[in-house]
Amino acid sequence: GYLSQDFTLAKMGTNTASHLLGVALLMASLSTKPHPSQCLSAPRAVVIFCHGSGDTGPGAKSYVEAVALPFSLTALEGSGVVFEYPTAHPRPYRLAGGQISSV
């Protein structure tokens, strides 16, 4: 049978990158066949890393690449897992004295 999952990740700092990569690897290994409702171009899973206050998507990506074993990222991407590193829109950040920051 096919296995379908719906994962929603709360906003987390990049210090959980290693744990989330392990979760993504587990998700990718649960099923070798795509769900019937997926078209050929649909990813098997999407892992979204939300950066911490004042950081950016590229900063989170740099951190993940620094702490992850290179073959694990390659293996996950090769199995259809997509990684997203969005950047929050800059806005005044009260905890930084109202300075404009990506939070």
PDB file of N, CA and C in Angstrom:
ATOM      1  N   GLY A   1       0.800  -1.183   0.000  1.00  0.00           N
ATOM      2  CA  GLY A   1       0.000   0.000   0.000  1.00  0.00           C
ATOM      3  C   GLY A   1       0.843   1.247   0.000  1.00  0.00           C
ATOM      4  N   TYR A   2       0.155   2.328  -0.251  1.00  0.00           N
ATOM      5  CA  TYR A   2       0.801   3.630  -0.267  1.00  0.00           C
ATOM      6  C   TYR A   2       0.685   4.280   1.096  1.00  0.00           C
ATOM      7  N   LEU A   3       1.649   5.084   1.411  1.00  0.00           N
ATOM      8  CA  LEU A   3       1.681   5.767   2.693  1.00  0.00           C
ATOM      9  C   LEU A   3       1.647   7.259   2.437  1.00  0.00           C
ATOM     10  N   SER A   4       0.704   7.947   3.037  1.00  0.00           N
ATOM     11  CA  SER A   4       0.577   9.388   2.838  1.00  0.00           C
ATOM     12  C   SER A   4       0.768  10.087   4.171  1.00  0.00           C
ATOM     13  N   GLN A   5       1.557  11.157   4.157  1.00  0.00           N
ATOM     14  CA  GLN A   5       1.779  11.925   5.372  1.00  0.00           C
ATOM     15  C   GLN A   5       1.554  13.393   5.089  1.00  0.00           C
ATOM     16  N   ASP A   6       1.134  14.114   6.085  1.00  0.00           N
ATOM     17  CA  ASP A   6       1.009  15.558   6.001  1.00  0.00           C
ATOM     18  C   ASP A   6       1.717  16.113   7.231  1.00  0.00           C
ATOM     19  N   PHE A   7       2.886  16.726   7.019  1.00  0.00           N
ATOM     20  CA  PHE A   7       3.672  17.260   8.118  1.00  0.00           C
ATOM     21  C   PHE A   7       3.625  18.777   8.092  1.00  0.00           C
ATOM     22  N   THR A   8       3.362  19.380   9.213  1.00  0.00           N
ATOM     23  CA  THR A   8       3.410  20.825   9.355  1.00  0.00           C
ATOM     24  C   THR A   8       4.435  21.126  10.437  1.00  0.00           C
ATOM     25  N   LEU A   9       5.426  21.947  10.080  1.00  0.00           N
ATOM     26  CA  LEU A   9       6.476  22.289  11.033  1.00  0.00           C
ATOM     27  C   LEU A   9       6.251  23.693  11.550  1.00  0.00           C
ATOM     28  N   ALA A  10       6.279  23.835  12.846  1.00  0.00           N
ATOM     29  CA  ALA A  10       6.198  25.160  13.449  1.00  0.00           C
ATOM     30  C   ALA A  10       7.506  25.894  13.192  1.00  0.00           C
ATOM     31  N   LYS A  11       7.487  27.205  13.378  1.00  0.00           N
ATOM     32  CA  LYS A  11       8.707  27.986  13.179  1.00  0.00           C
ATOM     33  C   LYS A  11       9.762  27.520  14.161  1.00  0.00           C
ATOM     34  N   MET A  12      10.898  27.131  13.627  1.00  0.00           N
ATOM     35  CA  MET A  12      11.999  26.637  14.454  1.00  0.00           C
ATOM     36  C   MET A  12      13.273  27.355  14.049  1.00  0.00           C
ATOM     37  N   GLY A  13      14.195  27.464  14.952  1.00  0.00           N
ATOM     38  CA  GLY A  13      15.500  28.017  14.632  1.00  0.00           C
ATOM     39  C   GLY A  13      16.318  26.993  13.863  1.00  0.00           C
ATOM     40  N   THR A  14      17.379  27.463  13.213  1.00  0.00           N
ATOM     41  CA  THR A  14      18.202  26.561  12.419  1.00  0.00           C
ATOM     42  C   THR A  14      19.014  25.603  13.274  1.00  0.00           C
ATOM     43  N   ASN A  15      18.987  25.751  14.607  1.00  0.00           N
ATOM     44  CA  ASN A  15      19.746  24.827  15.455  1.00  0.00           C
ATOM     45  C   ASN A  15      19.113  23.443  15.471  1.00  0.00           C
ATOM     46  N   THR A  16      17.963  23.270  14.860  1.00  0.00           N
ATOM     47  CA  THR A  16      17.319  21.960  14.786  1.00  0.00           C
ATOM     48  C   THR A  16      17.540  21.306  13.426  1.00  0.00           C
ATOM     49  N   ALA A  17      18.458  21.859  12.630  1.00  0.00           N
ATOM     50  CA  ALA A  17      18.665  21.375  11.269  1.00  0.00           C
ATOM     51  C   ALA A  17      18.994  19.895  11.209  1.00  0.00           C
ATOM     52  N   SER A  18      19.887  19.425  12.045  1.00  0.00           N
ATOM     53  CA  SER A  18      20.281  18.019  12.005  1.00  0.00           C
ATOM     54  C   SER A  18      19.099  17.105  12.303  1.00  0.00           C
ATOM     55  N   HIS A  19      18.292  17.466  13.291  1.00  0.00           N
ATOM     56  CA  HIS A  19      17.126  16.659  13.630  1.00  0.00           C
ATOM     57  C   HIS A  19      16.136  16.633  12.466  1.00  0.00           C
ATOM     58  N   LEU A  20      15.888  17.796  11.846  1.00  0.00           N
ATOM     59  CA  LEU A  20      14.935  17.852  10.748  1.00  0.00           C
ATOM     60  C   LEU A  20      15.432  17.076   9.531  1.00  0.00           C
ATOM     61  N   LEU A  21      16.734  17.074   9.301  1.00  0.00           N
ATOM     62  CA  LEU A  21      17.265  16.270   8.202  1.00  0.00           C
ATOM     63  C   LEU A  21      17.027  14.784   8.456  1.00  0.00           C
ATOM     64  N   GLY A  22      17.162  14.378   9.716  1.00  0.00           N
ATOM     65  CA  GLY A  22      16.871  12.987  10.064  1.00  0.00           C
ATOM     66  C   GLY A  22      15.409  12.653   9.837  1.00  0.00           C
ATOM     67  N   VAL A  23      14.517  13.575  10.184  1.00  0.00           N
ATOM     68  CA  VAL A  23      13.085  13.374   9.955  1.00  0.00           C
ATOM     69  C   VAL A  23      12.810  13.277   8.463  1.00  0.00           C
ATOM     70  N   ALA A  24      13.437  14.151   7.665  1.00  0.00           N
ATOM     71  CA  ALA A  24      13.227  14.121   6.220  1.00  0.00           C
ATOM     72  C   ALA A  24      13.721  12.813   5.621  1.00  0.00           C
ATOM     73  N   LEU A  25      14.865  12.319   6.103  1.00  0.00           N
ATOM     74  CA  LEU A  25      15.380  11.047   5.610  1.00  0.00           C
ATOM     75  C   LEU A  25      14.425   9.913   5.949  1.00  0.00           C
ATOM     76  N   LEU A  26      13.881   9.924   7.151  1.00  0.00           N
ATOM     77  CA  LEU A  26      12.905   8.912   7.542  1.00  0.00           C
ATOM     78  C   LEU A  26      11.670   8.992   6.661  1.00  0.00           C
ATOM     79  N   MET A  27      11.151  10.194   6.433  1.00  0.00           N
ATOM     80  CA  MET A  27       9.976  10.357   5.587  1.00  0.00           C
ATOM     81  C   MET A  27      10.239   9.831   4.181  1.00  0.00           C
ATOM     82  N   ALA A  28      11.405  10.145   3.648  1.00  0.00           N
ATOM     83  CA  ALA A  28      11.732   9.729   2.290  1.00  0.00           C
ATOM     84  C   ALA A  28      11.888   8.223   2.183  1.00  0.00           C
ATOM     85  N   SER A  29      12.277   7.580   3.261  1.00  0.00           N
ATOM     86  CA  SER A  29      12.499   6.142   3.209  1.00  0.00           C
ATOM     87  C   SER A  29      11.239   5.328   3.498  1.00  0.00           C
ATOM     88  N   LEU A  30      10.149   5.977   3.921  1.00  0.00           N
ATOM     89  CA  LEU A  30       8.946   5.247   4.279  1.00  0.00           C
ATOM     90  C   LEU A  30       8.262   4.594   3.091  1.00  0.00           C
ATOM     91  N   SER A  31       8.375   5.170   1.933  1.00  0.00           N
ATOM     92  CA  SER A  31       7.703   4.630   0.765  1.00  0.00           C
ATOM     93  C   SER A  31       8.587   4.797  -0.454  1.00  0.00           C
ATOM     94  N   THR A  32       8.694   3.766  -1.263  1.00  0.00           N
ATOM     95  CA  THR A  32       9.498   3.854  -2.478  1.00  0.00           C
ATOM     96  C   THR A  32       8.636   4.226  -3.675  1.00  0.00           C
ATOM     97  N   LYS A  33       7.314   4.233  -3.516  1.00  0.00           N
ATOM     98  CA  LYS A  33       6.405   4.578  -4.601  1.00  0.00           C
ATOM     99  C   LYS A  33       5.696   5.884  -4.276  1.00  0.00           C
ATOM    100  N   PRO A  34       5.497   6.747  -5.287  1.00  0.00           N
ATOM    101  CA  PRO A  34       4.737   7.966  -5.022  1.00  0.00           C
ATOM    102  C   PRO A  34       3.273   7.648  -4.778  1.00  0.00           C
ATOM    103  N   HIS A  35       2.609   8.494  -4.047  1.00  0.00           N
ATOM    104  CA  HIS A  35       1.175   8.340  -3.818  1.00  0.00           C
ATOM    105  C   HIS A  35       0.463   8.472  -5.169  1.00  0.00           C
ATOM    106  N   PRO A  36      -0.583   7.699  -5.428  1.00  0.00           N
ATOM    107  CA  PRO A  36      -1.254   7.746  -6.733  1.00  0.00           C
ATOM    108  C   PRO A  36      -1.760   9.123  -7.124  1.00  0.00           C
ATOM    109  N   SER A  37      -2.059   9.979  -6.155  1.00  0.00           N
ATOM    110  CA  SER A  37      -2.574  11.302  -6.481  1.00  0.00           C
ATOM    111  C   SER A  37      -1.484  12.269  -6.930  1.00  0.00           C
ATOM    112  N   GLN A  38      -0.209  11.851  -6.822  1.00  0.00           N
ATOM    113  CA  GLN A  38       0.897  12.724  -7.203  1.00  0.00           C
ATOM    114  C   GLN A  38       1.226  12.549  -8.676  1.00  0.00           C
ATOM    115  N   CYS A  39       1.498  13.672  -9.347  1.00  0.00           N
ATOM    116  CA  CYS A  39       1.957  13.567 -10.720  1.00  0.00           C
ATOM    117  C   CYS A  39       3.458  13.288 -10.705  1.00  0.00           C
ATOM    118  N   LEU A  40       4.016  12.994 -11.867  1.00  0.00           N
ATOM    119  CA  LEU A  40       5.430  12.608 -11.933  1.00  0.00           C
ATOM    120  C   LEU A  40       6.373  13.707 -11.444  1.00  0.00           C
ATOM    121  N   SER A  41       5.979  14.978 -11.588  1.00  0.00           N
ATOM    122  CA  SER A  41       6.885  16.050 -11.202  1.00  0.00           C
ATOM    123  C   SER A  41       6.708  16.493  -9.745  1.00  0.00           C
ATOM    124  N   ALA A  42       5.750  15.931  -9.032  1.00  0.00           N
ATOM    125  CA  ALA A  42       5.516  16.332  -7.646  1.00  0.00           C
ATOM    126  C   ALA A  42       6.619  15.781  -6.741  1.00  0.00           C
ATOM    127  N   PRO A  43       7.107  16.598  -5.794  1.00  0.00           N
ATOM    128  CA  PRO A  43       8.114  16.088  -4.855  1.00  0.00           C
ATOM    129  C   PRO A  43       7.499  15.069  -3.902  1.00  0.00           C
ATOM    130  N   ARG A  44       8.325  14.173  -3.390  1.00  0.00           N
ATOM    131  CA  ARG A  44       7.858  13.191  -2.401  1.00  0.00           C
ATOM    132  C   ARG A  44       7.615  13.846  -1.064  1.00  0.00           C
ATOM    133  N   ALA A  45       8.419  14.856  -0.752  1.00  0.00           N
ATOM    134  CA  ALA A  45       8.293  15.578   0.515  1.00  0.00           C
ATOM    135  C   ALA A  45       8.930  16.951   0.342  1.00  0.00           C
ATOM    136  N   VAL A  46       8.483  17.893   1.135  1.00  0.00           N
ATOM    137  CA  VAL A  46       9.077  19.229   1.160  1.00  0.00           C
ATOM    138  C   VAL A  46       9.440  19.540   2.604  1.00  0.00           C
ATOM    139  N   VAL A  47      10.685  19.925   2.823  1.00  0.00           N
ATOM    140  CA  VAL A  47      11.160  20.321   4.150  1.00  0.00           C
ATOM    141  C   VAL A  47      11.410  21.813   4.092  1.00  0.00           C
ATOM    142  N   ILE A  48      10.729  22.563   4.974  1.00  0.00           N
ATOM    143  CA  ILE A  48      10.856  24.015   4.992  1.00  0.00           C
ATOM    144  C   ILE A  48      11.617  24.426   6.255  1.00  0.00           C
ATOM    145  N   PHE A  49      12.760  25.070   6.058  1.00  0.00           N
ATOM    146  CA  PHE A  49      13.550  25.583   7.172  1.00  0.00           C
ATOM    147  C   PHE A  49      13.237  27.058   7.336  1.00  0.00           C
ATOM    148  N   CYS A  50      12.694  27.433   8.482  1.00  0.00           N
ATOM    149  CA  CYS A  50      12.407  28.829   8.791  1.00  0.00           C
ATOM    150  C   CYS A  50      13.562  29.395   9.610  1.00  0.00           C
ATOM    151  N   HIS A  51      14.143  30.468   9.118  1.00  0.00           N
ATOM    152  CA  HIS A  51      15.298  31.072   9.790  1.00  0.00           C
ATOM    153  C   HIS A  51      14.893  31.739  11.088  1.00  0.00           C
ATOM    154  N   GLY A  52      15.878  32.006  11.919  1.00  0.00           N
ATOM    155  CA  GLY A  52      15.645  32.708  13.174  1.00  0.00           C
ATOM    156  C   GLY A  52      15.593  34.208  12.964  1.00  0.00           C
ATOM    157  N   SER A  53      15.294  34.939  14.011  1.00  0.00           N
ATOM    158  CA  SER A  53      15.178  36.398  13.945  1.00  0.00           C
ATOM    159  C   SER A  53      16.455  37.035  13.424  1.00  0.00           C
ATOM    160  N   GLY A  54      16.310  37.878  12.415  1.00  0.00           N
ATOM    161  CA  GLY A  54      17.445  38.600  11.857  1.00  0.00           C
ATOM    162  C   GLY A  54      18.229  37.843  10.811  1.00  0.00           C
ATOM    163  N   ASP A  55      17.954  36.565  10.624  1.00  0.00           N
ATOM    164  CA  ASP A  55      18.648  35.770   9.615  1.00  0.00           C
ATOM    165  C   ASP A  55      17.843  35.808   8.324  1.00  0.00           C
ATOM    166  N   THR A  56      18.283  35.069   7.323  1.00  0.00           N
ATOM    167  CA  THR A  56      17.595  34.995   6.036  1.00  0.00           C
ATOM    168  C   THR A  56      17.544  33.545   5.575  1.00  0.00           C
ATOM    169  N   GLY A  57      16.796  33.291   4.527  1.00  0.00           N
ATOM    170  CA  GLY A  57      16.750  31.951   3.943  1.00  0.00           C
ATOM    171  C   GLY A  57      18.131  31.464   3.524  1.00  0.00           C
ATOM    172  N   PRO A  58      18.908  32.288   2.790  1.00  0.00           N
ATOM    173  CA  PRO A  58      20.262  31.858   2.435  1.00  0.00           C
ATOM    174  C   PRO A  58      21.140  31.573   3.658  1.00  0.00           C
ATOM    175  N   GLY A  59      20.937  32.325   4.743  1.00  0.00           N
ATOM    176  CA  GLY A  59      21.694  32.066   5.969  1.00  0.00           C
ATOM    177  C   GLY A  59      21.334  30.722   6.571  1.00  0.00           C
ATOM    178  N   ALA A  60      20.036  30.394   6.579  1.00  0.00           N
ATOM    179  CA  ALA A  60      19.590  29.091   7.079  1.00  0.00           C
ATOM    180  C   ALA A  60      20.136  27.971   6.205  1.00  0.00           C
ATOM    181  N   LYS A  61      20.123  28.176   4.890  1.00  0.00           N
ATOM    182  CA  LYS A  61      20.641  27.155   3.969  1.00  0.00           C
ATOM    183  C   LYS A  61      22.127  26.921   4.213  1.00  0.00           C
ATOM    184  N   SER A  62      22.869  27.993   4.409  1.00  0.00           N
ATOM    185  CA  SER A  62      24.302  27.879   4.678  1.00  0.00           C
ATOM    186  C   SER A  62      24.546  27.067   5.946  1.00  0.00           C
ATOM    187  N   TYR A  63      23.735  27.315   6.975  1.00  0.00           N
ATOM    188  CA  TYR A  63      23.877  26.578   8.232  1.00  0.00           C
ATOM    189  C   TYR A  63      23.566  25.102   8.035  1.00  0.00           C
ATOM    190  N   VAL A  64      22.469  24.809   7.356  1.00  0.00           N
ATOM    191  CA  VAL A  64      22.085  23.408   7.124  1.00  0.00           C
ATOM    192  C   VAL A  64      23.188  22.683   6.364  1.00  0.00           C
ATOM    193  N   GLU A  65      23.721  23.310   5.330  1.00  0.00           N
ATOM    194  CA  GLU A  65      24.790  22.690   4.550  1.00  0.00           C
ATOM    195  C   GLU A  65      26.051  22.491   5.383  1.00  0.00           C
ATOM    196  N   ALA A  66      26.279  23.344   6.387  1.00  0.00           N
ATOM    197  CA  ALA A  66      27.463  23.219   7.235  1.00  0.00           C
ATOM    198  C   ALA A  66      27.331  22.085   8.246  1.00  0.00           C
ATOM    199  N   VAL A  67      26.112  21.811   8.732  1.00  0.00           N
ATOM    200  CA  VAL A  67      25.955  20.796   9.777  1.00  0.00           C
ATOM    201  C   VAL A  67      25.499  19.440   9.259  1.00  0.00           C
ATOM    202  N   ALA A  68      24.974  19.401   8.042  1.00  0.00           N
ATOM    203  CA  ALA A  68      24.485  18.127   7.497  1.00  0.00           C
ATOM    204  C   ALA A  68      25.614  17.369   6.815  1.00  0.00           C
ATOM    205  N   LEU A  69      25.537  16.067   6.855  1.00  0.00           N
ATOM    206  CA  LEU A  69      26.477  15.258   6.095  1.00  0.00           C
ATOM    207  C   LEU A  69      26.143  15.447   4.617  1.00  0.00           C
ATOM    208  N   PRO A  70      27.136  15.796   3.792  1.00  0.00           N
ATOM    209  CA  PRO A  70      26.852  16.107   2.385  1.00  0.00           C
ATOM    210  C   PRO A  70      26.077  15.008   1.652  1.00  0.00           C
ATOM    211  N   PHE A  71      26.403  13.755   1.915  1.00  0.00           N
ATOM    212  CA  PHE A  71      25.705  12.683   1.199  1.00  0.00           C
ATOM    213  C   PHE A  71      24.248  12.585   1.616  1.00  0.00           C
ATOM    214  N   SER A  72      23.898  13.042   2.831  1.00  0.00           N
ATOM    215  CA  SER A  72      22.505  12.950   3.257  1.00  0.00           C
ATOM    216  C   SER A  72      21.635  13.924   2.469  1.00  0.00           C
ATOM    217  N   LEU A  73      22.116  15.138   2.240  1.00  0.00           N
ATOM    218  CA  LEU A  73      21.363  16.089   1.434  1.00  0.00           C
ATOM    219  C   LEU A  73      21.218  15.589   0.006  1.00  0.00           C
ATOM    220  N   THR A  74      22.294  15.083  -0.552  1.00  0.00           N
ATOM    221  CA  THR A  74      22.269  14.564  -1.917  1.00  0.00           C
ATOM    222  C   THR A  74      21.311  13.385  -2.031  1.00  0.00           C
ATOM    223  N   ALA A  75      21.358  12.480  -1.061  1.00  0.00           N
ATOM    224  CA  ALA A  75      20.474  11.310  -1.082  1.00  0.00           C
ATOM    225  C   ALA A  75      19.016  11.724  -0.983  1.00  0.00           C
ATOM    226  N   LEU A  76      18.718  12.677  -0.107  1.00  0.00           N
ATOM    227  CA  LEU A  76      17.340  13.137   0.041  1.00  0.00           C
ATOM    228  C   LEU A  76      16.844  13.824  -1.224  1.00  0.00           C
ATOM    229  N   GLU A  77      17.656  14.709  -1.781  1.00  0.00           N
ATOM    230  CA  GLU A  77      17.263  15.396  -3.010  1.00  0.00           C
ATOM    231  C   GLU A  77      17.095  14.407  -4.153  1.00  0.00           C
ATOM    232  N   GLY A  78      17.960  13.390  -4.201  1.00  0.00           N
ATOM    233  CA  GLY A  78      17.857  12.363  -5.236  1.00  0.00           C
ATOM    234  C   GLY A  78      16.616  11.503  -5.103  1.00  0.00           C
ATOM    235  N   SER A  79      16.069  11.420  -3.900  1.00  0.00           N
ATOM    236  CA  SER A  79      14.865  10.615  -3.692  1.00  0.00           C
ATOM    237  C   SER A  79      13.591  11.448  -3.814  1.00  0.00           C
ATOM    238  N   GLY A  80      13.722  12.708  -4.207  1.00  0.00           N
ATOM    239  CA  GLY A  80      12.551  13.533  -4.446  1.00  0.00           C
ATOM    240  C   GLY A  80      12.167  14.464  -3.324  1.00  0.00           C
ATOM    241  N   VAL A  81      13.034  14.629  -2.320  1.00  0.00           N
ATOM    242  CA  VAL A  81      12.757  15.563  -1.232  1.00  0.00           C
ATOM    243  C   VAL A  81      13.256  16.946  -1.651  1.00  0.00           C
ATOM    244  N   VAL A  82      12.414  17.945  -1.471  1.00  0.00           N
ATOM    245  CA  VAL A  82      12.749  19.314  -1.833  1.00  0.00           C
ATOM    246  C   VAL A  82      12.948  20.126  -0.553  1.00  0.00           C
ATOM    247  N   PHE A  83      14.015  20.911  -0.515  1.00  0.00           N
ATOM    248  CA  PHE A  83      14.292  21.782   0.624  1.00  0.00           C
ATOM    249  C   PHE A  83      13.970  23.219   0.236  1.00  0.00           C
ATOM    250  N   GLU A  84      13.266  23.926   1.101  1.00  0.00           N
ATOM    251  CA  GLU A  84      12.937  25.335   0.877  1.00  0.00           C
ATOM    252  C   GLU A  84      13.498  26.147   2.043  1.00  0.00           C
ATOM    253  N   TYR A  85      14.037  27.320   1.712  1.00  0.00           N
ATOM    254  CA  TYR A  85      14.635  28.212   2.706  1.00  0.00           C
ATOM    255  C   TYR A  85      14.077  29.624   2.489  1.00  0.00           C
ATOM    256  N   PRO A  86      12.825  29.865   2.869  1.00  0.00           N
ATOM    257  CA  PRO A  86      12.243  31.187   2.617  1.00  0.00           C
ATOM    258  C   PRO A  86      12.827  32.256   3.541  1.00  0.00           C
ATOM    259  N   THR A  87      12.755  33.491   3.090  1.00  0.00           N
ATOM    260  CA  THR A  87      13.179  34.636   3.892  1.00  0.00           C
ATOM    261  C   THR A  87      11.946  35.452   4.252  1.00  0.00           C
ATOM    262  N   ALA A  88      11.817  35.783   5.509  1.00  0.00           N
ATOM    263  CA  ALA A  88      10.697  36.610   5.965  1.00  0.00           C
ATOM    264  C   ALA A  88      10.840  38.030   5.419  1.00  0.00           C
ATOM    265  N   HIS A  89       9.711  38.695   5.226  1.00  0.00           N
ATOM    266  CA  HIS A  89       9.733  40.077   4.778  1.00  0.00           C
ATOM    267  C   HIS A  89      10.303  40.972   5.882  1.00  0.00           C
ATOM    268  N   PRO A  90      11.210  41.883   5.544  1.00  0.00           N
ATOM    269  CA  PRO A  90      11.752  42.801   6.551  1.00  0.00           C
ATOM    270  C   PRO A  90      10.638  43.666   7.148  1.00  0.00           C
ATOM    271  N   ARG A  91      10.724  43.857   8.452  1.00  0.00           N
ATOM    272  CA  ARG A  91       9.745  44.689   9.166  1.00  0.00           C
ATOM    273  C   ARG A  91      10.387  45.192  10.441  1.00  0.00           C
ATOM    274  N   PRO A  92       9.818  46.219  11.046  1.00  0.00           N
ATOM    275  CA  PRO A  92      10.356  46.700  12.329  1.00  0.00           C
ATOM    276  C   PRO A  92      10.261  45.591  13.385  1.00  0.00           C
ATOM    277  N   TYR A  93      11.351  45.392  14.101  1.00  0.00           N
ATOM    278  CA  TYR A  93      11.422  44.325  15.089  1.00  0.00           C
ATOM    279  C   TYR A  93      11.572  44.951  16.467  1.00  0.00           C
ATOM    280  N   ARG A  94      10.538  44.853  17.263  1.00  0.00           N
ATOM    281  CA  ARG A  94      10.487  45.514  18.573  1.00  0.00           C
ATOM    282  C   ARG A  94      11.636  45.064  19.474  1.00  0.00           C
ATOM    283  N   LEU A  95      11.988  43.779  19.451  1.00  0.00           N
ATOM    284  CA  LEU A  95      13.060  43.282  20.325  1.00  0.00           C
ATOM    285  C   LEU A  95      14.434  43.801  19.934  1.00  0.00           C
ATOM    286  N   ALA A  96      14.533  44.392  18.731  1.00  0.00           N
ATOM    287  CA  ALA A  96      15.799  44.988  18.292  1.00  0.00           C
ATOM    288  C   ALA A  96      15.669  46.517  18.241  1.00  0.00           C
ATOM    289  N   GLY A  97      14.813  47.044  19.111  1.00  0.00           N
ATOM    290  CA  GLY A  97      14.658  48.482  19.184  1.00  0.00           C
ATOM    291  C   GLY A  97      13.957  49.084  17.978  1.00  0.00           C
ATOM    292  N   GLY A  98      13.165  48.295  17.275  1.00  0.00           N
ATOM    293  CA  GLY A  98      12.437  48.800  16.121  1.00  0.00           C
ATOM    294  C   GLY A  98      13.212  48.780  14.819  1.00  0.00           C
ATOM    295  N   GLN A  99      14.437  48.234  14.844  1.00  0.00           N
ATOM    296  CA  GLN A  99      15.225  48.149  13.621  1.00  0.00           C
ATOM    297  C   GLN A  99      14.541  47.227  12.621  1.00  0.00           C
ATOM    298  N   ILE A 100      14.744  47.489  11.347  1.00  0.00           N
ATOM    299  CA  ILE A 100      14.186  46.646  10.289  1.00  0.00           C
ATOM    300  C   ILE A 100      14.962  45.327  10.279  1.00  0.00           C
ATOM    301  N   SER A 101      14.218  44.222  10.318  1.00  0.00           N
ATOM    302  CA  SER A 101      14.843  42.906  10.370  1.00  0.00           C
ATOM    303  C   SER A 101      13.914  41.879   9.732  1.00  0.00           C
ATOM    304  N   SER A 102      14.474  40.790   9.248  1.00  0.00           N
ATOM    305  CA  SER A 102      13.679  39.678   8.709  1.00  0.00           C
ATOM    306  C   SER A 102      13.279  38.784   9.865  1.00  0.00           C
ATOM    307  N   VAL A 103      12.044  38.964  10.324  1.00  0.00           N
ATOM    308  CA  VAL A 103      11.532  38.180  11.452  1.00  0.00           C
ATOM    309  C   VAL A 103      10.169  37.618  11.126  1.00  0.00           C
TER     310      VAL A 103
END
